[in-house]
Amino acid sequence: MSIFLIFLAGILFLAGILFINPLIKGVMWKKVLIWALYVVGNAVLWMGVSFIYINASVGHSKATSTAIFLFGGIAIVIAIILARLLGFIGLKKLNKTDESVQA
């Protein structure tokens, strides 16, 4: 199971790079911030998965449930910030058909 998790982490990391790369536009500091958030968020997520896997396999239920909320919460917060920087959250797109016609 651990080999499968390592393989899954690598595949999802590469897929994220290929997904994010064409979406990044703008100034250099924003590009660096997006890539740093992506790497840190991925590291936190997979550290949490491995921590949960190790503790669940030996029966530490309290440590497992704490790690789910701690690592999961941090990863979700980083993902929301990253989605906002990439433009998936908070931007209203105006189509030409949505414009009101004034008489």
C-alpha atoms as a PDB file:
ATOM      1  CA  MET A   1       0.000   0.000   0.000  1.00  0.00           C
ATOM      2  CA  SER A   2       2.817   2.423   0.773  1.00  0.00           C
ATOM      3  CA  ILE A   3       4.368   1.896  -2.668  1.00  0.00           C
ATOM      4  CA  PHE A   4       0.993   2.700  -4.237  1.00  0.00           C
ATOM      5  CA  LEU A   5       0.757   5.918  -2.177  1.00  0.00           C
ATOM      6  CA  ILE A   6       4.235   6.989  -3.271  1.00  0.00           C
ATOM      7  CA  PHE A   7       3.339   6.298  -6.909  1.00  0.00           C
ATOM      8  CA  LEU A   8       0.051   8.209  -6.541  1.00  0.00           C
ATOM      9  CA  ALA A   9       1.842  11.184  -4.958  1.00  0.00           C
ATOM     10  CA  GLY A  10       4.294  11.394  -7.850  1.00  0.00           C
ATOM     11  CA  ILE A  11       1.632  11.091 -10.523  1.00  0.00           C
ATOM     12  CA  LEU A  12      -0.598  13.727  -8.899  1.00  0.00           C
ATOM     13  CA  PHE A  13       2.360  16.086  -8.420  1.00  0.00           C
ATOM     14  CA  LEU A  14       3.245  15.822 -12.103  1.00  0.00           C
ATOM     15  CA  ALA A  15      -0.401  16.225 -13.139  1.00  0.00           C
ATOM     16  CA  GLY A  16      -0.643  19.363 -11.002  1.00  0.00           C
ATOM     17  CA  ILE A  17       2.431  20.841 -12.648  1.00  0.00           C
ATOM     18  CA  LEU A  18       1.031  20.149 -16.100  1.00  0.00           C
ATOM     19  CA  PHE A  19      -2.343  21.637 -15.104  1.00  0.00           C
ATOM     20  CA  ILE A  20      -1.015  24.797 -13.432  1.00  0.00           C
ATOM     21  CA  ASN A  21       1.722  25.678 -15.927  1.00  0.00           C
ATOM     22  CA  PRO A  22      -0.508  27.095 -18.711  1.00  0.00           C
ATOM     23  CA  LEU A  23      -2.688  28.990 -16.214  1.00  0.00           C
ATOM     24  CA  ILE A  24       0.072  31.145 -14.723  1.00  0.00           C
ATOM     25  CA  LYS A  25       0.278  34.630 -16.158  1.00  0.00           C
ATOM     26  CA  GLY A  26       1.427  37.883 -14.691  1.00  0.00           C
ATOM     27  CA  VAL A  27       4.351  39.239 -12.740  1.00  0.00           C
ATOM     28  CA  MET A  28       7.253  37.157 -11.495  1.00  0.00           C
ATOM     29  CA  TRP A  29       6.461  37.406  -7.772  1.00  0.00           C
ATOM     30  CA  LYS A  30       3.008  35.946  -8.396  1.00  0.00           C
ATOM     31  CA  LYS A  31       4.485  33.038 -10.366  1.00  0.00           C
ATOM     32  CA  VAL A  32       6.957  32.302  -7.576  1.00  0.00           C
ATOM     33  CA  LEU A  33       4.204  32.530  -4.949  1.00  0.00           C
ATOM     34  CA  ILE A  34       1.955  30.130  -6.870  1.00  0.00           C
ATOM     35  CA  TRP A  35       4.704  27.553  -7.331  1.00  0.00           C
ATOM     36  CA  ALA A  36       5.797  27.853  -3.696  1.00  0.00           C
ATOM     37  CA  LEU A  37       2.214  27.372  -2.492  1.00  0.00           C
ATOM     38  CA  TYR A  38       1.817  24.386  -4.795  1.00  0.00           C
ATOM     39  CA  VAL A  39       4.969  22.668  -3.546  1.00  0.00           C
ATOM     40  CA  VAL A  40       4.277  23.425   0.128  1.00  0.00           C
ATOM     41  CA  GLY A  41       0.632  22.376  -0.195  1.00  0.00           C
ATOM     42  CA  ASN A  42       1.590  19.135  -1.875  1.00  0.00           C
ATOM     43  CA  ALA A  43       4.225  18.424   0.777  1.00  0.00           C
ATOM     44  CA  VAL A  44       1.759  19.063   3.607  1.00  0.00           C
ATOM     45  CA  LEU A  45      -0.879  16.885   1.962  1.00  0.00           C
ATOM     46  CA  TRP A  46       1.381  13.902   1.429  1.00  0.00           C
ATOM     47  CA  MET A  47       3.074  14.223   4.820  1.00  0.00           C
ATOM     48  CA  GLY A  48      -0.405  14.098   6.289  1.00  0.00           C
ATOM     49  CA  VAL A  49      -1.351  11.047   4.227  1.00  0.00           C
ATOM     50  CA  SER A  50       1.788   9.190   5.316  1.00  0.00           C
ATOM     51  CA  PHE A  51       1.317  10.236   8.951  1.00  0.00           C
ATOM     52  CA  ILE A  52      -2.285   9.018   8.885  1.00  0.00           C
ATOM     53  CA  TYR A  53      -1.284   5.775   7.153  1.00  0.00           C
ATOM     54  CA  ILE A  54       1.450   5.010   9.692  1.00  0.00           C
ATOM     55  CA  ASN A  55      -0.704   5.815  12.725  1.00  0.00           C
ATOM     56  CA  ALA A  56      -3.734   3.965  11.404  1.00  0.00           C
ATOM     57  CA  SER A  57      -1.670   0.843  10.716  1.00  0.00           C
ATOM     58  CA  VAL A  58      -0.481   0.636  14.345  1.00  0.00           C
ATOM     59  CA  GLY A  59      -3.837   1.535  15.866  1.00  0.00           C
ATOM     60  CA  HIS A  60      -3.299   5.058  17.206  1.00  0.00           C
ATOM     61  CA  SER A  61      -6.808   6.339  16.611  1.00  0.00           C
ATOM     62  CA  LYS A  62      -6.360   9.632  18.489  1.00  0.00           C
ATOM     63  CA  ALA A  63      -3.240  10.570  16.518  1.00  0.00           C
ATOM     64  CA  THR A  64      -4.939   9.524  13.288  1.00  0.00           C
ATOM     65  CA  SER A  65      -8.012  11.679  13.848  1.00  0.00           C
ATOM     66  CA  THR A  66      -5.892  14.636  14.965  1.00  0.00           C
ATOM     67  CA  ALA A  67      -3.720  14.335  11.865  1.00  0.00           C
ATOM     68  CA  ILE A  68      -6.774  14.227   9.606  1.00  0.00           C
ATOM     69  CA  PHE A  69      -7.977  17.570  10.921  1.00  0.00           C
ATOM     70  CA  LEU A  70      -4.531  19.183  11.201  1.00  0.00           C
ATOM     71  CA  PHE A  71      -2.959  18.199   7.875  1.00  0.00           C
ATOM     72  CA  GLY A  72      -6.286  18.198   6.043  1.00  0.00           C
ATOM     73  CA  GLY A  73      -7.155  21.666   7.301  1.00  0.00           C
ATOM     74  CA  ILE A  74      -3.785  23.127   6.379  1.00  0.00           C
ATOM     75  CA  ALA A  75      -3.917  21.531   2.914  1.00  0.00           C
ATOM     76  CA  ILE A  76      -7.435  22.870   2.298  1.00  0.00           C
ATOM     77  CA  VAL A  77      -6.473  26.402   3.349  1.00  0.00           C
ATOM     78  CA  ILE A  78      -3.444  26.339   1.030  1.00  0.00           C
ATOM     79  CA  ALA A  79      -5.599  24.949  -1.791  1.00  0.00           C
ATOM     80  CA  ILE A  80      -8.167  27.740  -1.368  1.00  0.00           C
ATOM     81  CA  ILE A  81      -5.442  30.407  -1.451  1.00  0.00           C
ATOM     82  CA  LEU A  82      -3.910  28.787  -4.530  1.00  0.00           C
ATOM     83  CA  ALA A  83      -7.281  28.572  -6.290  1.00  0.00           C
ATOM     84  CA  ARG A  84      -7.876  32.264  -5.558  1.00  0.00           C
ATOM     85  CA  LEU A  85      -4.481  33.220  -7.001  1.00  0.00           C
ATOM     86  CA  LEU A  86      -5.117  31.133 -10.113  1.00  0.00           C
ATOM     87  CA  GLY A  87      -8.508  32.749 -10.627  1.00  0.00           C
ATOM     88  CA  PHE A  88     -10.837  29.833  -9.929  1.00  0.00           C
ATOM     89  CA  ILE A  89     -12.485  31.550  -6.948  1.00  0.00           C
ATOM     90  CA  GLY A  90     -13.790  35.084  -6.659  1.00  0.00           C
ATOM     91  CA  LEU A  91     -13.619  36.382 -10.189  1.00  0.00           C
ATOM     92  CA  LYS A  92     -16.865  37.118 -11.959  1.00  0.00           C
ATOM     93  CA  LYS A  93     -16.602  36.617 -15.683  1.00  0.00           C
ATOM     94  CA  LEU A  94     -18.897  38.780 -17.766  1.00  0.00           C
ATOM     95  CA  ASN A  95     -20.114  37.385 -21.058  1.00  0.00           C
ATOM     96  CA  LYS A  96     -21.400  39.553 -23.877  1.00  0.00           C
ATOM     97  CA  THR A  97     -24.824  37.933 -23.547  1.00  0.00           C
ATOM     98  CA  ASP A  98     -25.046  38.954 -19.877  1.00  0.00           C
ATOM     99  CA  GLU A  99     -24.692  42.667 -20.532  1.00  0.00           C
ATOM    100  CA  SER A 100     -27.873  44.601 -20.073  1.00  0.00           C
ATOM    101  CA  VAL A 101     -29.053  46.715 -22.955  1.00  0.00           C
ATOM    102  CA  GLN A 102     -30.008  50.244 -22.013  1.00  0.00           C
ATOM    103  CA  ALA A 103     -32.852  51.809 -23.989  1.00  0.00           C
END
